[in-house]
Amino acid sequence: MEKLEKFLRYVRIDTQSDDTTGTTPSTEKQKDLGCLLVEELLELGLKDAHMDEWGNVYGHLPGKGSRIGVNAHMDTALEVTGANVRPHLIRNYLGGTIKLANGLEFSPNEFPELNKHIGHDLVVTDGNTLLGADDKAGIAIIMNALQYFHDNPKVKHSNISVCFTVDEEIGEGPLHFDYKKMNAKYAYTIDGAHIDVIENENFNAYGAKLTFTGVSIHPGEGKDKLVNALNLASEFISLLPKETPFESEGKQGFYHLNSIEGNSEVANLQMIIRDFKDKGMDKRIEVIKSTVNKVLENHPSAKIDVSFKKQYVNMKKFVDKKPIAVRRAKWALKKNGIEPIMGAIRGGTDGATFSKNGLATPNLGTGSYNHHGRYEFLDKQEFEKMIDVVIDILKSK
């Protein structure tokens, strides 16, 4: 339980980010966890541990050989609240339905992944919040690895660089990341799910914002005049290809509507676009532009403004330039009886931008699943196994 206690302590601190504030960190409460981590890092011998003005936490543990970096993010997702998290431990899960608060429950029928964790101890939510294992499980894995080296000073380890970032969930984790301060030859984000998977590629990602401006007329006088902005947005959505997250898997990309709000005169729509290939992303952007033009052809008195924001890129071609990072992770997994699988993230990671900017950073798993929701859970045995893997990665060879 001692290893798990770190995780349970971290998830009780609300660190949910916010994509509307325009500040870094996007929420000051992320610093609450950051301050705690600085204190703990100092206690573990990382004498230069500190938080910068942006809320990012850095620390270094001197050792022997190459400097290896490890990273996890402190913020939690926007979809479900991260306040007042009450984690619950299910010992020796026997299968079947897991009952949460307020009549909520989840079972292998809806989440077949549960069948792979029978006989293990699971940490679940009470149903009112997310768990925050994304990515406080990653933080706890790193902190437990550092605890091991602190408690076993005769064990030789590499020079270790640690950074805990803010605002990963809103795509701004690398915004003020200091590569010189990190000072690593290569690094790992500990921010995945399955512990046997090394992720060395991810989606290319864009965000799109569309503003639909109609013609506002009293409905009683609207014949051939009124153009409803909400109807314009609905028509745009209906004309997009049926390639949503619900219909896609593997390396298939998608269009995903994030939000829509407004009235009959003006409606605002936000969406994300994902594709593993550069040319595929270019095509998707053109599809959105052509779909806008189709709506305007049908409603010449309307106006539609569209803008795109590049969020992150596929890291594979950058990680491949420094194969030692993947090679070392494979060795550590095999040493711990885990056969490694190369995987692709159907999402993003701070490591994508780190890799693009010269710090090759593949992603490793945490043993946590169903991220961003009330049915999130952590497999205690897998979580502890990943601590051993990270320890081996950081040991001097």
Foldseek 3Di string as FASTA:
>chain_A
DVLCVQLVVLLQQAAAADPPQPAQRRDPSLLVSVVVVQVLVVVLPQVPWDADPRSKTKTKDAFDDFEEEEEAARHAADQWGSHRWDKDKDAQAQFAWDAAPPRDIDHCVVVVVVVVQHGFIKIATNLRGHRPVQPSLSVSLVSVLSVVCSVVVVFGFHIYMYMYFHDVNVLCRCVPDDCVRSRGQAYAYAGAADQQEWEQWEWFKKKKKKKKFWFDDPPVPPVVHFQFSVVLVVQLVVPAPPFDPVPDDAQGWGKAWDDWDDTRGMIMTMIMTIGRDPVVRVVNVVRSVVSNVVSCVVPVRMDMDMDMGGRFHILNVLLVVPVVVVVLLCVLCVVLVHHHDYGYYHDDDPQRVVSVVRHRYIYGYQQWDPGPRNGIMHGVVSNVSSSSSVSSSGGDD
